[in-house]
Amino acid sequence: MPYLPSATRYNNMQYRRCGNSGIKLPAVSLGLWHNFGHTDVGENFREILHVAFDSGITHFDLANNYGPPPGSAEENFGRILKEDFKSYRDEMIISTKAGYTMWDGPYGDWGSKKYLVSSLDQSLKRMDLEYVDIFYHHRPDPETPLEETMAALDLIVRQGKALYAGISNYPADRAAEAIAILKRLGTPCLIHQPKYSMFERWVEGGLLDVLEKDGVGCIPFSPLAQGLLTDRYLHGIPEDSRAAKSVFLKPGQVTDARINQISRLNDIAIQRGQKLAHMALAWLLKDRRVTSVLIGASRPAQLTDSLKCLDNIEFSAEELAKIEEILK
């Protein structure tokens, strides 16, 4: 039976302007880093995409190396896009990235014009798209001149292969330089995607100020610190957790001190009528410089639950002070 989106899909989602651009993004966006590869269950991630779109999520974030194996998330997303969402492409913001190792040899990594242009061409073929809405450089390259990398993003936008350019994982000084170069070239930087959560706050050391000053949006990834900012670790490391499997979260990161913080934060969330995960997402969204938070989901129900963060994104001064005391 053909997929028909909910007629009320835009009724409850909040949309925020992305920097000084004409683009608005949903307050919650869906990342396809995990759970959309060839090793995953196709009908499960198809349903996740349906639930996301039905809930007003219009932004779907990928990268060339997402899977596993690398490239498979784009292939699977492209297939479902063609089968289920073809009529709704203009209601979507689709982004992808390049910057990490994708193929062997000197041209399959980092930030050269050769790599970025070739990678996006491959991504477009995998997704069967003429263009993506946002193309990011995924990480700074310590060897390629920044002018070359930004010129590649400018070229890609001028070629019509992407509508907007973005950067990811750039520290404040390099971000400021990249944004300035793109502005001179006539292709403004739309958005920056940094790692940011209650437990990862480096962006507050200058990056958010740079983005605000230059009118660039911000979309944090890993907002739940790989699951630490949920109620899963209140009593230690569950056997089926990422930490137990050492998948992107090592057991050594789940210390007694960290569990104590999680427990105290959970107490505040309960007082607010929220789960800890909801509060952690809301805590990021309280800052208007944050355009959207990028979440992942392994099940449709998990995605639906995460959206409850939007029920309360306001914090009292007392709540914020208590959180800061815990996070010291």
C-alpha atoms as a PDB file:
ATOM      1  CA  MET A   1       0.000   0.000   0.000  1.00  0.00           C
ATOM      2  CA  PRO A   2       1.487   3.387  -0.966  1.00  0.00           C
ATOM      3  CA  TYR A   3       2.697   5.594   1.860  1.00  0.00           C
ATOM      4  CA  LEU A   4       0.494   8.619   2.498  1.00  0.00           C
ATOM      5  CA  PRO A   5       1.932  11.171   4.946  1.00  0.00           C
ATOM      6  CA  SER A   6      -0.163  12.477   7.797  1.00  0.00           C
ATOM      7  CA  ALA A   7      -2.255  15.475   6.812  1.00  0.00           C
ATOM      8  CA  THR A   8      -1.442  17.067  10.173  1.00  0.00           C
ATOM      9  CA  ARG A   9       2.334  16.569   9.956  1.00  0.00           C
ATOM     10  CA  TYR A  10       3.158  20.258  10.317  1.00  0.00           C
ATOM     11  CA  ASN A  11       0.798  20.990  13.192  1.00  0.00           C
ATOM     12  CA  ASN A  12       3.026  20.234  16.178  1.00  0.00           C
ATOM     13  CA  MET A  13       6.649  20.567  15.058  1.00  0.00           C
ATOM     14  CA  GLN A  14       8.541  23.753  15.856  1.00  0.00           C
ATOM     15  CA  TYR A  15      10.594  25.281  13.031  1.00  0.00           C
ATOM     16  CA  ARG A  16      13.547  27.603  13.556  1.00  0.00           C
ATOM     17  CA  ARG A  17      15.282  29.933  11.153  1.00  0.00           C
ATOM     18  CA  CYS A  18      18.780  28.748  10.295  1.00  0.00           C
ATOM     19  CA  GLY A  19      21.055  31.705  11.020  1.00  0.00           C
ATOM     20  CA  ASN A  20      20.347  34.627   8.689  1.00  0.00           C
ATOM     21  CA  SER A  21      19.146  32.398   5.843  1.00  0.00           C
ATOM     22  CA  GLY A  22      15.720  31.839   4.374  1.00  0.00           C
ATOM     23  CA  ILE A  23      15.725  28.237   5.584  1.00  0.00           C
ATOM     24  CA  LYS A  24      13.817  26.970   8.599  1.00  0.00           C
ATOM     25  CA  LEU A  25      14.667  23.585  10.084  1.00  0.00           C
ATOM     26  CA  PRO A  26      12.603  21.437  12.430  1.00  0.00           C
ATOM     27  CA  ALA A  27      13.716  21.734  16.038  1.00  0.00           C
ATOM     28  CA  VAL A  28      14.442  18.001  15.890  1.00  0.00           C
ATOM     29  CA  SER A  29      16.154  16.518  12.805  1.00  0.00           C
ATOM     30  CA  LEU A  30      16.841  12.872  12.003  1.00  0.00           C
ATOM     31  CA  GLY A  31      20.387  11.612  11.522  1.00  0.00           C
ATOM     32  CA  LEU A  32      21.040   8.375   9.647  1.00  0.00           C
ATOM     33  CA  TRP A  33      24.488   7.679  11.120  1.00  0.00           C
ATOM     34  CA  HIS A  34      23.386   4.285  12.492  1.00  0.00           C
ATOM     35  CA  ASN A  35      20.460   1.926  11.899  1.00  0.00           C
ATOM     36  CA  PHE A  36      20.083   2.595   8.153  1.00  0.00           C
ATOM     37  CA  GLY A  37      22.835   0.403   6.707  1.00  0.00           C
ATOM     38  CA  HIS A  38      22.680  -2.883   4.835  1.00  0.00           C
ATOM     39  CA  THR A  39      23.143  -4.753   8.120  1.00  0.00           C
ATOM     40  CA  ASP A  40      19.906  -3.278   9.508  1.00  0.00           C
ATOM     41  CA  VAL A  41      16.259  -4.256   8.990  1.00  0.00           C
ATOM     42  CA  GLY A  42      14.811  -2.428   6.000  1.00  0.00           C
ATOM     43  CA  GLU A  43      11.203  -2.304   7.132  1.00  0.00           C
ATOM     44  CA  ASN A  44      12.289  -0.899  10.485  1.00  0.00           C
ATOM     45  CA  PHE A  45      14.170   2.062   9.069  1.00  0.00           C
ATOM     46  CA  ARG A  46      11.439   2.604   6.470  1.00  0.00           C
ATOM     47  CA  GLU A  47       8.941   2.968   9.320  1.00  0.00           C
ATOM     48  CA  ILE A  48      11.317   5.301  11.189  1.00  0.00           C
ATOM     49  CA  LEU A  49      11.374   7.584   8.138  1.00  0.00           C
ATOM     50  CA  HIS A  50       7.576   7.452   7.869  1.00  0.00           C
ATOM     51  CA  VAL A  51       7.124   8.335  11.536  1.00  0.00           C
ATOM     52  CA  ALA A  52       9.672  11.148  11.245  1.00  0.00           C
ATOM     53  CA  PHE A  53       7.958  12.757   8.257  1.00  0.00           C
ATOM     54  CA  ASP A  54       4.510  12.262   9.769  1.00  0.00           C
ATOM     55  CA  SER A  55       5.794  14.123  12.859  1.00  0.00           C
ATOM     56  CA  GLY A  56       6.969  17.162  10.920  1.00  0.00           C
ATOM     57  CA  ILE A  57      10.649  16.231  10.668  1.00  0.00           C
ATOM     58  CA  THR A  58      11.697  17.570   7.287  1.00  0.00           C
ATOM     59  CA  HIS A  59      15.484  17.391   7.667  1.00  0.00           C
ATOM     60  CA  PHE A  60      17.313  14.110   7.049  1.00  0.00           C
ATOM     61  CA  ASP A  61      21.065  14.088   7.621  1.00  0.00           C
ATOM     62  CA  LEU A  62      23.513  11.651   6.003  1.00  0.00           C
ATOM     63  CA  ALA A  63      27.192  11.361   5.109  1.00  0.00           C
ATOM     64  CA  ASN A  64      29.123   9.434   2.475  1.00  0.00           C
ATOM     65  CA  ASN A  65      30.444   6.940   5.040  1.00  0.00           C
ATOM     66  CA  TYR A  66      27.236   6.221   6.957  1.00  0.00           C
ATOM     67  CA  GLY A  67      26.176   2.587   7.061  1.00  0.00           C
ATOM     68  CA  PRO A  68      27.551   0.066   7.678  1.00  0.00           C
ATOM     69  CA  PRO A  69      29.024  -0.554   5.167  1.00  0.00           C
ATOM     70  CA  PRO A  70      29.985   2.985   4.107  1.00  0.00           C
ATOM     71  CA  GLY A  71      27.585   4.361   1.537  1.00  0.00           C
ATOM     72  CA  SER A  72      24.752   1.992   2.395  1.00  0.00           C
ATOM     73  CA  ALA A  73      22.731   4.519   4.397  1.00  0.00           C
ATOM     74  CA  GLU A  74      22.604   6.779   1.345  1.00  0.00           C
ATOM     75  CA  GLU A  75      21.641   3.831  -0.872  1.00  0.00           C
ATOM     76  CA  ASN A  76      18.828   2.766   1.448  1.00  0.00           C
ATOM     77  CA  PHE A  77      17.591   6.301   1.987  1.00  0.00           C
ATOM     78  CA  GLY A  78      17.606   6.922  -1.761  1.00  0.00           C
ATOM     79  CA  ARG A  79      15.611   3.774  -2.425  1.00  0.00           C
ATOM     80  CA  ILE A  80      12.938   4.642   0.145  1.00  0.00           C
ATOM     81  CA  LEU A  81      12.913   8.249  -1.028  1.00  0.00           C
ATOM     82  CA  LYS A  82      12.115   7.054  -4.556  1.00  0.00           C
ATOM     83  CA  GLU A  83       9.538   4.478  -3.452  1.00  0.00           C
ATOM     84  CA  ASP A  84       7.717   6.419  -0.728  1.00  0.00           C
ATOM     85  CA  PHE A  85       8.645  10.105  -0.768  1.00  0.00           C
ATOM     86  CA  LYS A  86       9.120  10.980  -4.447  1.00  0.00           C
ATOM     87  CA  SER A  87       6.165  13.370  -4.425  1.00  0.00           C
ATOM     88  CA  TYR A  88       7.411  15.074  -1.262  1.00  0.00           C
ATOM     89  CA  ARG A  89      11.035  15.856  -2.178  1.00  0.00           C
ATOM     90  CA  ASP A  90      10.364  19.593  -2.108  1.00  0.00           C
ATOM     91  CA  GLU A  91       9.160  19.303   1.495  1.00  0.00           C
ATOM     92  CA  MET A  92      12.515  17.855   2.583  1.00  0.00           C
ATOM     93  CA  ILE A  93      15.944  19.130   3.497  1.00  0.00           C
ATOM     94  CA  ILE A  94      18.450  16.383   2.652  1.00  0.00           C
ATOM     95  CA  SER A  95      22.061  16.807   3.688  1.00  0.00           C
ATOM     96  CA  THR A  96      25.216  14.796   3.242  1.00  0.00           C
ATOM     97  CA  LYS A  97      28.913  15.232   4.024  1.00  0.00           C
ATOM     98  CA  ALA A  98      32.438  14.268   3.046  1.00  0.00           C
ATOM     99  CA  GLY A  99      35.648  14.488   5.035  1.00  0.00           C
ATOM    100  CA  TYR A 100      36.397  11.059   6.477  1.00  0.00           C
ATOM    101  CA  THR A 101      37.948   8.071   4.688  1.00  0.00           C
ATOM    102  CA  MET A 102      35.660   6.766   1.947  1.00  0.00           C
ATOM    103  CA  TRP A 103      37.932   4.999  -0.545  1.00  0.00           C
ATOM    104  CA  ASP A 104      41.566   3.953  -0.899  1.00  0.00           C
ATOM    105  CA  GLY A 105      44.310   6.201  -2.186  1.00  0.00           C
ATOM    106  CA  PRO A 106      45.172   9.871  -1.693  1.00  0.00           C
ATOM    107  CA  TYR A 107      41.864  11.236  -3.051  1.00  0.00           C
ATOM    108  CA  GLY A 108      39.394   9.437  -0.779  1.00  0.00           C
ATOM    109  CA  ASP A 109      39.730  11.437   2.439  1.00  0.00           C
ATOM    110  CA  TRP A 110      40.048  14.898   4.045  1.00  0.00           C
ATOM    111  CA  GLY A 111      39.283  18.100   2.135  1.00  0.00           C
ATOM    112  CA  SER A 112      40.731  18.419  -1.343  1.00  0.00           C
ATOM    113  CA  LYS A 113      38.541  19.696  -4.170  1.00  0.00           C
ATOM    114  CA  LYS A 114      39.117  16.364  -5.932  1.00  0.00           C
ATOM    115  CA  TYR A 115      37.749  14.401  -2.971  1.00  0.00           C
ATOM    116  CA  LEU A 116      34.780  16.630  -2.158  1.00  0.00           C
ATOM    117  CA  VAL A 117      33.502  16.901  -5.737  1.00  0.00           C
ATOM    118  CA  SER A 118      33.983  13.178  -6.398  1.00  0.00           C
ATOM    119  CA  SER A 119      32.373  12.194  -3.103  1.00  0.00           C
ATOM    120  CA  LEU A 120      29.254  14.264  -3.691  1.00  0.00           C
ATOM    121  CA  ASP A 121      28.921  12.856  -7.213  1.00  0.00           C
ATOM    122  CA  GLN A 122      28.967   9.369  -5.676  1.00  0.00           C
ATOM    123  CA  SER A 123      26.460  10.370  -2.974  1.00  0.00           C
ATOM    124  CA  LEU A 124      24.043  11.773  -5.545  1.00  0.00           C
ATOM    125  CA  LYS A 125      24.225   8.526  -7.524  1.00  0.00           C
ATOM    126  CA  ARG A 126      23.620   6.431  -4.405  1.00  0.00           C
ATOM    127  CA  MET A 127      20.556   8.505  -3.486  1.00  0.00           C
ATOM    128  CA  ASP A 128      19.433   8.969  -7.109  1.00  0.00           C
ATOM    129  CA  LEU A 129      19.192  12.721  -6.573  1.00  0.00           C
ATOM    130  CA  GLU A 130      20.033  15.688  -8.769  1.00  0.00           C
ATOM    131  CA  TYR A 131      21.047  17.762  -5.746  1.00  0.00           C
ATOM    132  CA  VAL A 132      21.207  17.783  -1.963  1.00  0.00           C
ATOM    133  CA  ASP A 133      20.008  20.720   0.061  1.00  0.00           C
ATOM    134  CA  ILE A 134      23.112  20.959   2.282  1.00  0.00           C
ATOM    135  CA  PHE A 135      26.604  19.641   1.619  1.00  0.00           C
ATOM    136  CA  TYR A 136      29.061  19.735   4.524  1.00  0.00           C
ATOM    137  CA  HIS A 137      32.780  19.448   4.830  1.00  0.00           C
ATOM    138  CA  HIS A 138      32.799  16.876   7.622  1.00  0.00           C
ATOM    139  CA  ARG A 139      36.032  17.828   9.433  1.00  0.00           C
ATOM    140  CA  PRO A 140      38.921  20.297   9.094  1.00  0.00           C
ATOM    141  CA  ASP A 141      41.857  19.148   6.974  1.00  0.00           C
ATOM    142  CA  PRO A 142      45.233  19.985   8.563  1.00  0.00           C
ATOM    143  CA  GLU A 143      47.064  19.875   5.215  1.00  0.00           C
ATOM    144  CA  THR A 144      44.770  21.120   2.438  1.00  0.00           C
ATOM    145  CA  PRO A 145      44.533  24.940   2.295  1.00  0.00           C
ATOM    146  CA  LEU A 146      41.219  26.059   3.690  1.00  0.00           C
ATOM    147  CA  GLU A 147      40.745  28.209   0.589  1.00  0.00           C
ATOM    148  CA  GLU A 148      40.731  25.070  -1.575  1.00  0.00           C
ATOM    149  CA  THR A 149      38.198  23.261   0.595  1.00  0.00           C
ATOM    150  CA  MET A 150      35.847  26.227   0.747  1.00  0.00           C
ATOM    151  CA  ALA A 151      36.286  26.859  -3.000  1.00  0.00           C
ATOM    152  CA  ALA A 152      35.127  23.277  -3.550  1.00  0.00           C
ATOM    153  CA  LEU A 153      31.948  23.946  -1.541  1.00  0.00           C
ATOM    154  CA  ASP A 154      31.405  27.146  -3.520  1.00  0.00           C
ATOM    155  CA  LEU A 155      31.888  25.261  -6.816  1.00  0.00           C
ATOM    156  CA  ILE A 156      29.436  22.537  -5.774  1.00  0.00           C
ATOM    157  CA  VAL A 157      26.753  25.107  -4.936  1.00  0.00           C
ATOM    158  CA  ARG A 158      27.341  26.987  -8.205  1.00  0.00           C
ATOM    159  CA  GLN A 159      27.060  23.706 -10.109  1.00  0.00           C
ATOM    160  CA  GLY A 160      23.651  23.136  -8.548  1.00  0.00           C
ATOM    161  CA  LYS A 161      24.686  19.904  -6.847  1.00  0.00           C
ATOM    162  CA  ALA A 162      23.900  21.445  -3.434  1.00  0.00           C
ATOM    163  CA  LEU A 163      21.778  24.421  -2.479  1.00  0.00           C
ATOM    164  CA  TYR A 164      23.731  25.344   0.648  1.00  0.00           C
ATOM    165  CA  ALA A 165      27.179  24.771   2.128  1.00  0.00           C
ATOM    166  CA  GLY A 166      27.953  23.729   5.681  1.00  0.00           C
ATOM    167  CA  ILE A 167      30.865  22.735   7.894  1.00  0.00           C
ATOM    168  CA  SER A 168      31.154  20.219  10.716  1.00  0.00           C
ATOM    169  CA  ASN A 169      33.550  19.685  13.632  1.00  0.00           C
ATOM    170  CA  TYR A 170      35.372  22.971  12.993  1.00  0.00           C
ATOM    171  CA  PRO A 171      36.780  24.761  16.082  1.00  0.00           C
ATOM    172  CA  ALA A 172      35.874  28.412  16.536  1.00  0.00           C
ATOM    173  CA  ASP A 173      38.952  29.941  14.877  1.00  0.00           C
ATOM    174  CA  ARG A 174      38.858  27.667  11.826  1.00  0.00           C
ATOM    175  CA  ALA A 175      35.090  28.075  11.543  1.00  0.00           C
ATOM    176  CA  ALA A 176      35.429  31.861  11.526  1.00  0.00           C
ATOM    177  CA  GLU A 177      38.043  31.635   8.781  1.00  0.00           C
ATOM    178  CA  ALA A 178      35.976  29.190   6.710  1.00  0.00           C
ATOM    179  CA  ILE A 179      32.830  31.307   7.070  1.00  0.00           C
ATOM    180  CA  ALA A 180      34.745  34.422   5.980  1.00  0.00           C
ATOM    181  CA  ILE A 181      36.145  32.670   2.883  1.00  0.00           C
ATOM    182  CA  LEU A 182      32.723  31.394   1.846  1.00  0.00           C
ATOM    183  CA  LYS A 183      31.258  34.856   2.307  1.00  0.00           C
ATOM    184  CA  ARG A 184      33.933  36.370   0.035  1.00  0.00           C
ATOM    185  CA  LEU A 185      33.233  33.705  -2.572  1.00  0.00           C
ATOM    186  CA  GLY A 186      29.529  34.532  -2.513  1.00  0.00           C
ATOM    187  CA  THR A 187      28.323  31.235  -1.042  1.00  0.00           C
ATOM    188  CA  PRO A 188      27.454  31.954   2.601  1.00  0.00           C
ATOM    189  CA  CYS A 189      27.916  29.158   5.127  1.00  0.00           C
ATOM    190  CA  LEU A 190      24.440  28.040   6.122  1.00  0.00           C
ATOM    191  CA  ILE A 191      25.144  25.846   9.134  1.00  0.00           C
ATOM    192  CA  HIS A 192      27.726  24.226  11.411  1.00  0.00           C
ATOM    193  CA  GLN A 193      27.302  20.722  12.841  1.00  0.00           C
ATOM    194  CA  PRO A 194      29.314  20.296  16.070  1.00  0.00           C
ATOM    195  CA  LYS A 195      29.312  17.655  18.774  1.00  0.00           C
ATOM    196  CA  TYR A 196      27.462  19.289  21.661  1.00  0.00           C
ATOM    197  CA  SER A 197      25.643  18.032  24.737  1.00  0.00           C
ATOM    198  CA  MET A 198      25.502  18.608  28.478  1.00  0.00           C
ATOM    199  CA  PHE A 199      28.666  16.486  28.712  1.00  0.00           C
ATOM    200  CA  GLU A 200      30.428  17.971  25.652  1.00  0.00           C
ATOM    201  CA  ARG A 201      30.431  21.765  25.852  1.00  0.00           C
ATOM    202  CA  TRP A 202      33.457  22.931  23.874  1.00  0.00           C
ATOM    203  CA  VAL A 203      31.231  24.948  21.524  1.00  0.00           C
ATOM    204  CA  GLU A 204      30.520  27.367  24.371  1.00  0.00           C
ATOM    205  CA  GLY A 205      34.189  28.399  24.299  1.00  0.00           C
ATOM    206  CA  GLY A 206      33.710  30.673  21.311  1.00  0.00           C
ATOM    207  CA  LEU A 207      32.089  28.715  18.480  1.00  0.00           C
ATOM    208  CA  LEU A 208      28.491  29.667  19.319  1.00  0.00           C
ATOM    209  CA  ASP A 209      29.551  33.313  19.452  1.00  0.00           C
ATOM    210  CA  VAL A 210      31.159  33.030  16.008  1.00  0.00           C
ATOM    211  CA  LEU A 211      28.028  31.455  14.550  1.00  0.00           C
ATOM    212  CA  GLU A 212      25.784  34.104  16.103  1.00  0.00           C
ATOM    213  CA  LYS A 213      27.980  36.939  14.853  1.00  0.00           C
ATOM    214  CA  ASP A 214      28.120  35.587  11.317  1.00  0.00           C
ATOM    215  CA  GLY A 215      24.495  34.469  11.085  1.00  0.00           C
ATOM    216  CA  VAL A 216      25.250  30.758  10.754  1.00  0.00           C
ATOM    217  CA  GLY A 217      22.944  28.060  12.095  1.00  0.00           C
ATOM    218  CA  CYS A 218      23.976  25.343  14.546  1.00  0.00           C
ATOM    219  CA  ILE A 219      22.797  21.724  14.601  1.00  0.00           C
ATOM    220  CA  PRO A 220      24.431  19.678  17.388  1.00  0.00           C
ATOM    221  CA  PHE A 221      25.038  15.973  16.879  1.00  0.00           C
ATOM    222  CA  SER A 222      25.335  13.400  19.671  1.00  0.00           C
ATOM    223  CA  PRO A 223      23.045  15.535  21.901  1.00  0.00           C
ATOM    224  CA  LEU A 224      22.517  12.608  24.289  1.00  0.00           C
ATOM    225  CA  ALA A 225      26.255  11.840  24.611  1.00  0.00           C
ATOM    226  CA  GLN A 226      25.909   8.433  22.944  1.00  0.00           C
ATOM    227  CA  GLY A 227      23.066   7.511  25.301  1.00  0.00           C
ATOM    228  CA  LEU A 228      24.658   8.614  28.566  1.00  0.00           C
ATOM    229  CA  LEU A 229      22.060  11.362  28.921  1.00  0.00           C
ATOM    230  CA  THR A 230      19.218   8.883  29.212  1.00  0.00           C
ATOM    231  CA  ASP A 231      17.916   6.744  32.047  1.00  0.00           C
ATOM    232  CA  ARG A 232      19.719   3.660  30.701  1.00  0.00           C
ATOM    233  CA  TYR A 233      22.871   4.208  32.780  1.00  0.00           C
ATOM    234  CA  LEU A 234      21.281   5.193  36.088  1.00  0.00           C
ATOM    235  CA  HIS A 235      22.324   1.904  37.674  1.00  0.00           C
ATOM    236  CA  GLY A 236      25.466   1.080  35.724  1.00  0.00           C
ATOM    237  CA  ILE A 237      26.107  -0.400  32.277  1.00  0.00           C
ATOM    238  CA  PRO A 238      23.275  -2.510  30.780  1.00  0.00           C
ATOM    239  CA  GLU A 239      24.436  -5.645  28.965  1.00  0.00           C
ATOM    240  CA  ASP A 240      22.875  -4.563  25.658  1.00  0.00           C
ATOM    241  CA  SER A 241      24.135  -0.971  25.769  1.00  0.00           C
ATOM    242  CA  ARG A 242      26.686   0.748  23.548  1.00  0.00           C
ATOM    243  CA  ALA A 243      29.097   0.957  26.450  1.00  0.00           C
ATOM    244  CA  ALA A 244      28.867  -2.786  27.095  1.00  0.00           C
ATOM    245  CA  LYS A 245      29.573  -3.464  23.429  1.00  0.00           C
ATOM    246  CA  SER A 246      32.231  -0.713  23.240  1.00  0.00           C
ATOM    247  CA  VAL A 247      30.374   0.789  20.269  1.00  0.00           C
ATOM    248  CA  PHE A 248      31.390   4.477  20.209  1.00  0.00           C
ATOM    249  CA  LEU A 249      31.061   4.568  24.003  1.00  0.00           C
ATOM    250  CA  LYS A 250      33.678   2.833  26.123  1.00  0.00           C
ATOM    251  CA  PRO A 251      32.970   1.298  29.536  1.00  0.00           C
ATOM    252  CA  GLY A 252      35.680   3.536  31.012  1.00  0.00           C
ATOM    253  CA  GLN A 253      33.539   6.566  30.182  1.00  0.00           C
ATOM    254  CA  VAL A 254      30.764   5.353  32.485  1.00  0.00           C
ATOM    255  CA  THR A 255      32.470   6.162  35.772  1.00  0.00           C
ATOM    256  CA  ASP A 256      30.907   6.359  39.230  1.00  0.00           C
ATOM    257  CA  ALA A 257      31.225  10.139  39.060  1.00  0.00           C
ATOM    258  CA  ARG A 258      29.434  10.216  35.707  1.00  0.00           C
ATOM    259  CA  ILE A 259      26.634   7.968  36.978  1.00  0.00           C
ATOM    260  CA  ASN A 260      26.236  10.283  39.948  1.00  0.00           C
ATOM    261  CA  GLN A 261      25.840  13.234  37.571  1.00  0.00           C
ATOM    262  CA  ILE A 262      23.331  11.314  35.477  1.00  0.00           C
ATOM    263  CA  SER A 263      21.312  10.440  38.560  1.00  0.00           C
ATOM    264  CA  ARG A 264      21.200  14.038  39.800  1.00  0.00           C
ATOM    265  CA  LEU A 265      20.249  15.328  36.361  1.00  0.00           C
ATOM    266  CA  ASN A 266      17.534  12.698  36.194  1.00  0.00           C
ATOM    267  CA  ASP A 267      16.094  14.011  39.467  1.00  0.00           C
ATOM    268  CA  ILE A 268      15.776  17.480  37.919  1.00  0.00           C
ATOM    269  CA  ALA A 269      14.160  16.024  34.799  1.00  0.00           C
ATOM    270  CA  ILE A 270      11.573  14.193  36.931  1.00  0.00           C
ATOM    271  CA  GLN A 271      10.771  17.443  38.729  1.00  0.00           C
ATOM    272  CA  ARG A 272      10.199  19.027  35.313  1.00  0.00           C
ATOM    273  CA  GLY A 273       7.897  16.180  34.293  1.00  0.00           C
ATOM    274  CA  GLN A 274      10.380  14.888  31.725  1.00  0.00           C
ATOM    275  CA  LYS A 275      12.659  11.978  31.073  1.00  0.00           C
ATOM    276  CA  LEU A 276      16.357  12.783  31.253  1.00  0.00           C
ATOM    277  CA  ALA A 277      16.689  12.427  27.471  1.00  0.00           C
ATOM    278  CA  HIS A 278      13.881  14.930  26.923  1.00  0.00           C
ATOM    279  CA  MET A 279      15.526  17.424  29.269  1.00  0.00           C
ATOM    280  CA  ALA A 280      18.940  16.982  27.641  1.00  0.00           C
ATOM    281  CA  LEU A 281      17.512  17.807  24.209  1.00  0.00           C
ATOM    282  CA  ALA A 282      15.459  20.694  25.583  1.00  0.00           C
ATOM    283  CA  TRP A 283      18.564  22.050  27.339  1.00  0.00           C
ATOM    284  CA  LEU A 284      20.229  22.487  23.933  1.00  0.00           C
ATOM    285  CA  LEU A 285      17.119  23.978  22.344  1.00  0.00           C
ATOM    286  CA  LYS A 286      16.800  26.610  25.082  1.00  0.00           C
ATOM    287  CA  ASP A 287      19.584  28.500  23.244  1.00  0.00           C
ATOM    288  CA  ARG A 288      18.139  30.276  20.206  1.00  0.00           C
ATOM    289  CA  ARG A 289      21.523  29.980  18.480  1.00  0.00           C
ATOM    290  CA  VAL A 290      20.791  26.264  18.197  1.00  0.00           C
ATOM    291  CA  THR A 291      18.664  25.757  15.095  1.00  0.00           C
ATOM    292  CA  SER A 292      17.926  22.063  15.502  1.00  0.00           C
ATOM    293  CA  VAL A 293      19.147  19.000  17.403  1.00  0.00           C
ATOM    294  CA  LEU A 294      20.161  15.947  15.421  1.00  0.00           C
ATOM    295  CA  ILE A 295      18.918  12.689  16.891  1.00  0.00           C
ATOM    296  CA  GLY A 296      19.213   9.056  15.864  1.00  0.00           C
ATOM    297  CA  ALA A 297      16.644   6.310  16.333  1.00  0.00           C
ATOM    298  CA  SER A 298      16.788   2.530  16.247  1.00  0.00           C
ATOM    299  CA  ARG A 299      13.004   2.119  16.513  1.00  0.00           C
ATOM    300  CA  PRO A 300       9.981   4.223  15.508  1.00  0.00           C
ATOM    301  CA  ALA A 301       8.850   4.382  19.141  1.00  0.00           C
ATOM    302  CA  GLN A 302      12.218   5.778  20.186  1.00  0.00           C
ATOM    303  CA  LEU A 303      11.842   8.602  17.687  1.00  0.00           C
ATOM    304  CA  THR A 304       8.312   9.380  18.849  1.00  0.00           C
ATOM    305  CA  ASP A 305       9.497   9.452  22.448  1.00  0.00           C
ATOM    306  CA  SER A 306      12.372  11.826  21.673  1.00  0.00           C
ATOM    307  CA  LEU A 307       9.953  14.357  20.206  1.00  0.00           C
ATOM    308  CA  LYS A 308       8.410  14.800  23.653  1.00  0.00           C
ATOM    309  CA  CYS A 309      11.363  17.080  24.415  1.00  0.00           C
ATOM    310  CA  LEU A 310       9.414  19.803  22.614  1.00  0.00           C
ATOM    311  CA  ASP A 311       6.700  19.751  25.272  1.00  0.00           C
ATOM    312  CA  ASN A 312       8.910  21.829  27.581  1.00  0.00           C
ATOM    313  CA  ILE A 313      12.018  23.670  26.412  1.00  0.00           C
ATOM    314  CA  GLU A 314      11.805  26.447  28.994  1.00  0.00           C
ATOM    315  CA  PHE A 315      14.089  26.405  32.045  1.00  0.00           C
ATOM    316  CA  SER A 316      13.876  28.498  35.187  1.00  0.00           C
ATOM    317  CA  ALA A 317      16.976  30.263  36.451  1.00  0.00           C
ATOM    318  CA  GLU A 318      16.964  27.914  39.441  1.00  0.00           C
ATOM    319  CA  GLU A 319      16.881  24.830  37.225  1.00  0.00           C
ATOM    320  CA  LEU A 320      19.750  26.101  35.105  1.00  0.00           C
ATOM    321  CA  ALA A 321      21.799  26.887  38.199  1.00  0.00           C
ATOM    322  CA  LYS A 322      21.246  23.394  39.569  1.00  0.00           C
ATOM    323  CA  ILE A 323      22.273  21.838  36.247  1.00  0.00           C
ATOM    324  CA  GLU A 324      25.419  23.954  36.095  1.00  0.00           C
ATOM    325  CA  GLU A 325      26.364  22.881  39.609  1.00  0.00           C
ATOM    326  CA  ILE A 326      26.021  19.228  38.605  1.00  0.00           C
ATOM    327  CA  LEU A 327      28.013  19.669  35.388  1.00  0.00           C
ATOM    328  CA  LYS A 328      30.986  21.401  37.041  1.00  0.00           C
END
